[in-house]
Amino acid sequence: MFRNLLPEMEGLAALKVVSLVLFFVIFAVAIIVVIRMSRQHVQHMERLPLDNPDFESQQLGENTHG
């Protein structure tokens, strides 16, 4: 069934190119965002789980909110 479906579909080459370009655009944007991120923001995100007093109890599966 699928063997007969793919040859009948037109524009698959364009779809492959568009998906490849879209992947690289998203990847490039992600790299740019990471490069432009401030060091203070990165340090804040690093400390975030450690600054949360409920973090250890959440990791153990305990319910501290009632």
PDB file of N, CA and C in Angstrom:
ATOM      1  N   MET A   1       0.821  -1.196   0.000  1.00  0.00           N
ATOM      2  CA  MET A   1       0.000   0.000   0.000  1.00  0.00           C
ATOM      3  C   MET A   1       0.864   1.258   0.000  1.00  0.00           C
ATOM      4  N   PHE A   2       1.825   1.327   0.916  1.00  0.00           N
ATOM      5  CA  PHE A   2       2.676   2.511   0.984  1.00  0.00           C
ATOM      6  C   PHE A   2       3.604   2.581  -0.218  1.00  0.00           C
ATOM      7  N   ARG A   3       3.927   1.452  -0.791  1.00  0.00           N
ATOM      8  CA  ARG A   3       4.794   1.422  -1.963  1.00  0.00           C
ATOM      9  C   ARG A   3       4.129   2.135  -3.141  1.00  0.00           C
ATOM     10  N   ASN A   4       2.817   2.035  -3.226  1.00  0.00           N
ATOM     11  CA  ASN A   4       2.080   2.690  -4.313  1.00  0.00           C
ATOM     12  C   ASN A   4       1.762   4.143  -3.986  1.00  0.00           C
ATOM     13  N   LEU A   5       1.749   4.483  -2.735  1.00  0.00           N
ATOM     14  CA  LEU A   5       1.359   5.833  -2.323  1.00  0.00           C
ATOM     15  C   LEU A   5       2.466   6.857  -2.577  1.00  0.00           C
ATOM     16  N   LEU A   6       3.698   6.532  -2.254  1.00  0.00           N
ATOM     17  CA  LEU A   6       4.785   7.494  -2.367  1.00  0.00           C
ATOM     18  C   LEU A   6       5.073   7.942  -3.803  1.00  0.00           C
ATOM     19  N   PRO A   7       5.094   7.075  -4.798  1.00  0.00           N
ATOM     20  CA  PRO A   7       5.358   7.580  -6.156  1.00  0.00           C
ATOM     21  C   PRO A   7       4.259   8.493  -6.687  1.00  0.00           C
ATOM     22  N   GLU A   8       3.038   8.340  -6.185  1.00  0.00           N
ATOM     23  CA  GLU A   8       1.936   9.169  -6.680  1.00  0.00           C
ATOM     24  C   GLU A   8       1.925  10.563  -6.070  1.00  0.00           C
ATOM     25  N   MET A   9       2.587  10.722  -4.942  1.00  0.00           N
ATOM     26  CA  MET A   9       2.600  12.025  -4.287  1.00  0.00           C
ATOM     27  C   MET A   9       3.618  12.936  -4.979  1.00  0.00           C
ATOM     28  N   GLU A  10       3.156  14.102  -5.382  1.00  0.00           N
ATOM     29  CA  GLU A  10       4.036  15.063  -6.038  1.00  0.00           C
ATOM     30  C   GLU A  10       4.550  16.063  -5.012  1.00  0.00           C
ATOM     31  N   GLY A  11       5.721  16.591  -5.265  1.00  0.00           N
ATOM     32  CA  GLY A  11       6.258  17.625  -4.407  1.00  0.00           C
ATOM     33  C   GLY A  11       7.012  17.103  -3.202  1.00  0.00           C
ATOM     34  N   LEU A  12       7.380  15.839  -3.196  1.00  0.00           N
ATOM     35  CA  LEU A  12       8.126  15.313  -2.058  1.00  0.00           C
ATOM     36  C   LEU A  12       9.529  15.905  -1.983  1.00  0.00           C
ATOM     37  N   ALA A  13      10.117  16.211  -3.100  1.00  0.00           N
ATOM     38  CA  ALA A  13      11.449  16.811  -3.092  1.00  0.00           C
ATOM     39  C   ALA A  13      11.396  18.188  -2.429  1.00  0.00           C
ATOM     40  N   ALA A  14      10.374  18.944  -2.742  1.00  0.00           N
ATOM     41  CA  ALA A  14      10.221  20.262  -2.119  1.00  0.00           C
ATOM     42  C   ALA A  14       9.974  20.128  -0.627  1.00  0.00           C
ATOM     43  N   LEU A  15       9.210  19.125  -0.237  1.00  0.00           N
ATOM     44  CA  LEU A  15       8.937  18.909   1.178  1.00  0.00           C
ATOM     45  C   LEU A  15      10.212  18.561   1.930  1.00  0.00           C
ATOM     46  N   LYS A  16      11.071  17.771   1.321  1.00  0.00           N
ATOM     47  CA  LYS A  16      12.347  17.417   1.947  1.00  0.00           C
ATOM     48  C   LYS A  16      13.219  18.653   2.130  1.00  0.00           C
ATOM     49  N   VAL A  17      13.266  19.500   1.123  1.00  0.00           N
ATOM     50  CA  VAL A  17      14.082  20.715   1.197  1.00  0.00           C
ATOM     51  C   VAL A  17      13.527  21.661   2.256  1.00  0.00           C
ATOM     52  N   VAL A  18      12.226  21.827   2.273  1.00  0.00           N
ATOM     53  CA  VAL A  18      11.603  22.726   3.250  1.00  0.00           C
ATOM     54  C   VAL A  18      11.848  22.222   4.668  1.00  0.00           C
ATOM     55  N   SER A  19      11.709  20.919   4.893  1.00  0.00           N
ATOM     56  CA  SER A  19      11.929  20.392   6.237  1.00  0.00           C
ATOM     57  C   SER A  19      13.389  20.527   6.661  1.00  0.00           C
ATOM     58  N   LEU A  20      14.310  20.342   5.736  1.00  0.00           N
ATOM     59  CA  LEU A  20      15.732  20.504   6.057  1.00  0.00           C
ATOM     60  C   LEU A  20      16.057  21.959   6.389  1.00  0.00           C
ATOM     61  N   VAL A  21      15.541  22.876   5.598  1.00  0.00           N
ATOM     62  CA  VAL A  21      15.767  24.300   5.849  1.00  0.00           C
ATOM     63  C   VAL A  21      15.146  24.706   7.182  1.00  0.00           C
ATOM     64  N   LEU A  22      13.943  24.219   7.460  1.00  0.00           N
ATOM     65  CA  LEU A  22      13.275  24.536   8.718  1.00  0.00           C
ATOM     66  C   LEU A  22      14.076  24.007   9.908  1.00  0.00           C
ATOM     67  N   PHE A  23      14.621  22.816   9.797  1.00  0.00           N
ATOM     68  CA  PHE A  23      15.442  22.258  10.867  1.00  0.00           C
ATOM     69  C   PHE A  23      16.649  23.141  11.127  1.00  0.00           C
ATOM     70  N   PHE A  24      17.366  23.536  10.071  1.00  0.00           N
ATOM     71  CA  PHE A  24      18.560  24.349  10.255  1.00  0.00           C
ATOM     72  C   PHE A  24      18.226  25.739  10.776  1.00  0.00           C
ATOM     73  N   VAL A  25      17.111  26.298  10.377  1.00  0.00           N
ATOM     74  CA  VAL A  25      16.715  27.614  10.880  1.00  0.00           C
ATOM     75  C   VAL A  25      16.431  27.535  12.382  1.00  0.00           C
ATOM     76  N   ILE A  26      15.680  26.526  12.806  1.00  0.00           N
ATOM     77  CA  ILE A  26      15.382  26.376  14.226  1.00  0.00           C
ATOM     78  C   ILE A  26      16.657  26.119  15.015  1.00  0.00           C
ATOM     79  N   PHE A  27      17.547  25.282  14.486  1.00  0.00           N
ATOM     80  CA  PHE A  27      18.818  24.992  15.141  1.00  0.00           C
ATOM     81  C   PHE A  27      19.667  26.259  15.257  1.00  0.00           C
ATOM     82  N   ALA A  28      19.727  27.064  14.208  1.00  0.00           N
ATOM     83  CA  ALA A  28      20.511  28.294  14.234  1.00  0.00           C
ATOM     84  C   ALA A  28      19.929  29.289  15.230  1.00  0.00           C
ATOM     85  N   VAL A  29      18.612  29.398  15.286  1.00  0.00           N
ATOM     86  CA  VAL A  29      17.973  30.311  16.243  1.00  0.00           C
ATOM     87  C   VAL A  29      18.265  29.867  17.670  1.00  0.00           C
ATOM     88  N   ALA A  30      18.228  28.562  17.919  1.00  0.00           N
ATOM     89  CA  ALA A  30      18.524  28.058  19.259  1.00  0.00           C
ATOM     90  C   ALA A  30      19.963  28.375  19.651  1.00  0.00           C
ATOM     91  N   ILE A  31      20.886  28.230  18.733  1.00  0.00           N
ATOM     92  CA  ILE A  31      22.294  28.548  19.021  1.00  0.00           C
ATOM     93  C   ILE A  31      22.459  30.040  19.294  1.00  0.00           C
ATOM     94  N   ILE A  32      21.795  30.873  18.515  1.00  0.00           N
ATOM     95  CA  ILE A  32      21.888  32.322  18.713  1.00  0.00           C
ATOM     96  C   ILE A  32      21.319  32.711  20.075  1.00  0.00           C
ATOM     97  N   VAL A  33      20.198  32.109  20.474  1.00  0.00           N
ATOM     98  CA  VAL A  33      19.595  32.419  21.771  1.00  0.00           C
ATOM     99  C   VAL A  33      20.544  32.022  22.900  1.00  0.00           C
ATOM    100  N   VAL A  34      21.165  30.864  22.784  1.00  0.00           N
ATOM    101  CA  VAL A  34      22.090  30.406  23.824  1.00  0.00           C
ATOM    102  C   VAL A  34      23.318  31.309  23.885  1.00  0.00           C
ATOM    103  N   ILE A  35      23.846  31.720  22.757  1.00  0.00           N
ATOM    104  CA  ILE A  35      25.032  32.575  22.739  1.00  0.00           C
ATOM    105  C   ILE A  35      24.720  33.949  23.330  1.00  0.00           C
ATOM    106  N   ARG A  36      23.548  34.469  23.043  1.00  0.00           N
ATOM    107  CA  ARG A  36      23.192  35.816  23.511  1.00  0.00           C
ATOM    108  C   ARG A  36      22.675  35.832  24.949  1.00  0.00           C
ATOM    109  N   MET A  37      22.470  34.658  25.564  1.00  0.00           N
ATOM    110  CA  MET A  37      21.953  34.587  26.914  1.00  0.00           C
ATOM    111  C   MET A  37      22.971  35.179  27.895  1.00  0.00           C
ATOM    112  N   SER A  38      22.475  35.956  28.836  1.00  0.00           N
ATOM    113  CA  SER A  38      23.381  36.589  29.799  1.00  0.00           C
ATOM    114  C   SER A  38      23.905  35.553  30.787  1.00  0.00           C
ATOM    115  N   ARG A  39      25.098  35.801  31.260  1.00  0.00           N
ATOM    116  CA  ARG A  39      25.733  34.894  32.213  1.00  0.00           C
ATOM    117  C   ARG A  39      24.946  34.854  33.525  1.00  0.00           C
ATOM    118  N   GLN A  40      24.378  35.992  33.910  1.00  0.00           N
ATOM    119  CA  GLN A  40      23.593  36.037  35.143  1.00  0.00           C
ATOM    120  C   GLN A  40      22.364  35.144  35.045  1.00  0.00           C
ATOM    121  N   HIS A  41      21.718  35.143  33.889  1.00  0.00           N
ATOM    122  CA  HIS A  41      20.542  34.297  33.687  1.00  0.00           C
ATOM    123  C   HIS A  41      20.923  32.817  33.756  1.00  0.00           C
ATOM    124  N   VAL A  42      22.047  32.462  33.159  1.00  0.00           N
ATOM    125  CA  VAL A  42      22.510  31.078  33.186  1.00  0.00           C
ATOM    126  C   VAL A  42      22.818  30.660  34.620  1.00  0.00           C
ATOM    127  N   GLN A  43      23.482  31.514  35.368  1.00  0.00           N
ATOM    128  CA  GLN A  43      23.799  31.190  36.759  1.00  0.00           C
ATOM    129  C   GLN A  43      22.531  31.076  37.599  1.00  0.00           C
ATOM    130  N   HIS A  44      21.556  31.939  37.329  1.00  0.00           N
ATOM    131  CA  HIS A  44      20.274  31.854  38.033  1.00  0.00           C
ATOM    132  C   HIS A  44      19.588  30.521  37.735  1.00  0.00           C
ATOM    133  N   MET A  45      19.579  30.101  36.490  1.00  0.00           N
ATOM    134  CA  MET A  45      18.951  28.836  36.112  1.00  0.00           C
ATOM    135  C   MET A  45      19.716  27.645  36.690  1.00  0.00           C
ATOM    136  N   GLU A  46      21.037  27.771  36.838  1.00  0.00           N
ATOM    137  CA  GLU A  46      21.817  26.689  37.449  1.00  0.00           C
ATOM    138  C   GLU A  46      21.444  26.495  38.909  1.00  0.00           C
ATOM    139  N   ARG A  47      21.234  27.602  39.627  1.00  0.00           N
ATOM    140  CA  ARG A  47      20.953  27.538  41.058  1.00  0.00           C
ATOM    141  C   ARG A  47      19.489  27.281  41.365  1.00  0.00           C
ATOM    142  N   LEU A  48      18.624  27.401  40.394  1.00  0.00           N
ATOM    143  CA  LEU A  48      17.186  27.341  40.636  1.00  0.00           C
ATOM    144  C   LEU A  48      16.737  26.091  41.378  1.00  0.00           C
ATOM    145  N   PRO A  49      17.127  24.891  40.973  1.00  0.00           N
ATOM    146  CA  PRO A  49      16.674  23.724  41.746  1.00  0.00           C
ATOM    147  C   PRO A  49      17.239  23.699  43.159  1.00  0.00           C
ATOM    148  N   LEU A  50      18.428  24.221  43.351  1.00  0.00           N
ATOM    149  CA  LEU A  50      19.049  24.191  44.666  1.00  0.00           C
ATOM    150  C   LEU A  50      18.468  25.236  45.607  1.00  0.00           C
ATOM    151  N   ASP A  51      17.921  26.317  45.051  1.00  0.00           N
ATOM    152  CA  ASP A  51      17.331  27.365  45.867  1.00  0.00           C
ATOM    153  C   ASP A  51      15.924  27.022  46.334  1.00  0.00           C
ATOM    154  N   ASN A  52      15.301  26.006  45.746  1.00  0.00           N
ATOM    155  CA  ASN A  52      13.940  25.627  46.078  1.00  0.00           C
ATOM    156  C   ASN A  52      13.961  24.723  47.308  1.00  0.00           C
ATOM    157  N   PRO A  53      13.356  25.136  48.431  1.00  0.00           N
ATOM    158  CA  PRO A  53      13.400  24.302  49.639  1.00  0.00           C
ATOM    159  C   PRO A  53      12.604  23.016  49.490  1.00  0.00           C
ATOM    160  N   ASP A  54      11.636  22.982  48.600  1.00  0.00           N
ATOM    161  CA  ASP A  54      10.824  21.781  48.410  1.00  0.00           C
ATOM    162  C   ASP A  54      11.426  20.829  47.386  1.00  0.00           C
ATOM    163  N   PHE A  55      12.575  21.168  46.841  1.00  0.00           N
ATOM    164  CA  PHE A  55      13.161  20.358  45.767  1.00  0.00           C
ATOM    165  C   PHE A  55      13.464  18.942  46.230  1.00  0.00           C
ATOM    166  N   GLU A  56      14.087  18.809  47.389  1.00  0.00           N
ATOM    167  CA  GLU A  56      14.472  17.477  47.869  1.00  0.00           C
ATOM    168  C   GLU A  56      13.239  16.630  48.170  1.00  0.00           C
ATOM    169  N   SER A  57      12.231  17.247  48.782  1.00  0.00           N
ATOM    170  CA  SER A  57      11.025  16.485  49.084  1.00  0.00           C
ATOM    171  C   SER A  57      10.263  16.122  47.817  1.00  0.00           C
ATOM    172  N   GLN A  58      10.318  16.958  46.790  1.00  0.00           N
ATOM    173  CA  GLN A  58       9.672  16.639  45.517  1.00  0.00           C
ATOM    174  C   GLN A  58      10.386  15.484  44.839  1.00  0.00           C
ATOM    175  N   GLN A  59      11.698  15.429  44.975  1.00  0.00           N
ATOM    176  CA  GLN A  59      12.461  14.352  44.369  1.00  0.00           C
ATOM    177  C   GLN A  59      12.165  13.018  45.048  1.00  0.00           C
ATOM    178  N   LEU A  60      11.841  13.066  46.337  1.00  0.00           N
ATOM    179  CA  LEU A  60      11.559  11.836  47.072  1.00  0.00           C
ATOM    180  C   LEU A  60      10.104  11.404  46.918  1.00  0.00           C
ATOM    181  N   GLY A  61       9.280  12.244  46.300  1.00  0.00           N
ATOM    182  CA  GLY A  61       7.887  11.909  46.084  1.00  0.00           C
ATOM    183  C   GLY A  61       6.983  12.250  47.238  1.00  0.00           C
ATOM    184  N   GLU A  62       7.464  13.028  48.178  1.00  0.00           N
ATOM    185  CA  GLU A  62       6.658  13.413  49.325  1.00  0.00           C
ATOM    186  C   GLU A  62       5.759  14.579  48.950  1.00  0.00           C
ATOM    187  N   ASN A  63       4.603  14.622  49.532  1.00  0.00           N
ATOM    188  CA  ASN A  63       3.657  15.705  49.287  1.00  0.00           C
ATOM    189  C   ASN A  63       3.728  16.658  50.482  1.00  0.00           C
ATOM    190  N   THR A  64       4.267  17.865  50.276  1.00  0.00           N
ATOM    191  CA  THR A  64       4.449  18.810  51.374  1.00  0.00           C
ATOM    192  C   THR A  64       3.334  19.852  51.419  1.00  0.00           C
ATOM    193  N   HIS A  65       2.436  19.825  50.425  1.00  0.00           N
ATOM    194  CA  HIS A  65       1.413  20.864  50.357  1.00  0.00           C
ATOM    195  C   HIS A  65       0.055  20.340  50.795  1.00  0.00           C
ATOM    196  N   GLY A  66       0.002  19.296  51.588  1.00  0.00           N
ATOM    197  CA  GLY A  66      -1.264  18.854  52.145  1.00  0.00           C
ATOM    198  C   GLY A  66      -1.713  17.605  51.604  1.00  0.00           C
TER     199      GLY A  66
END
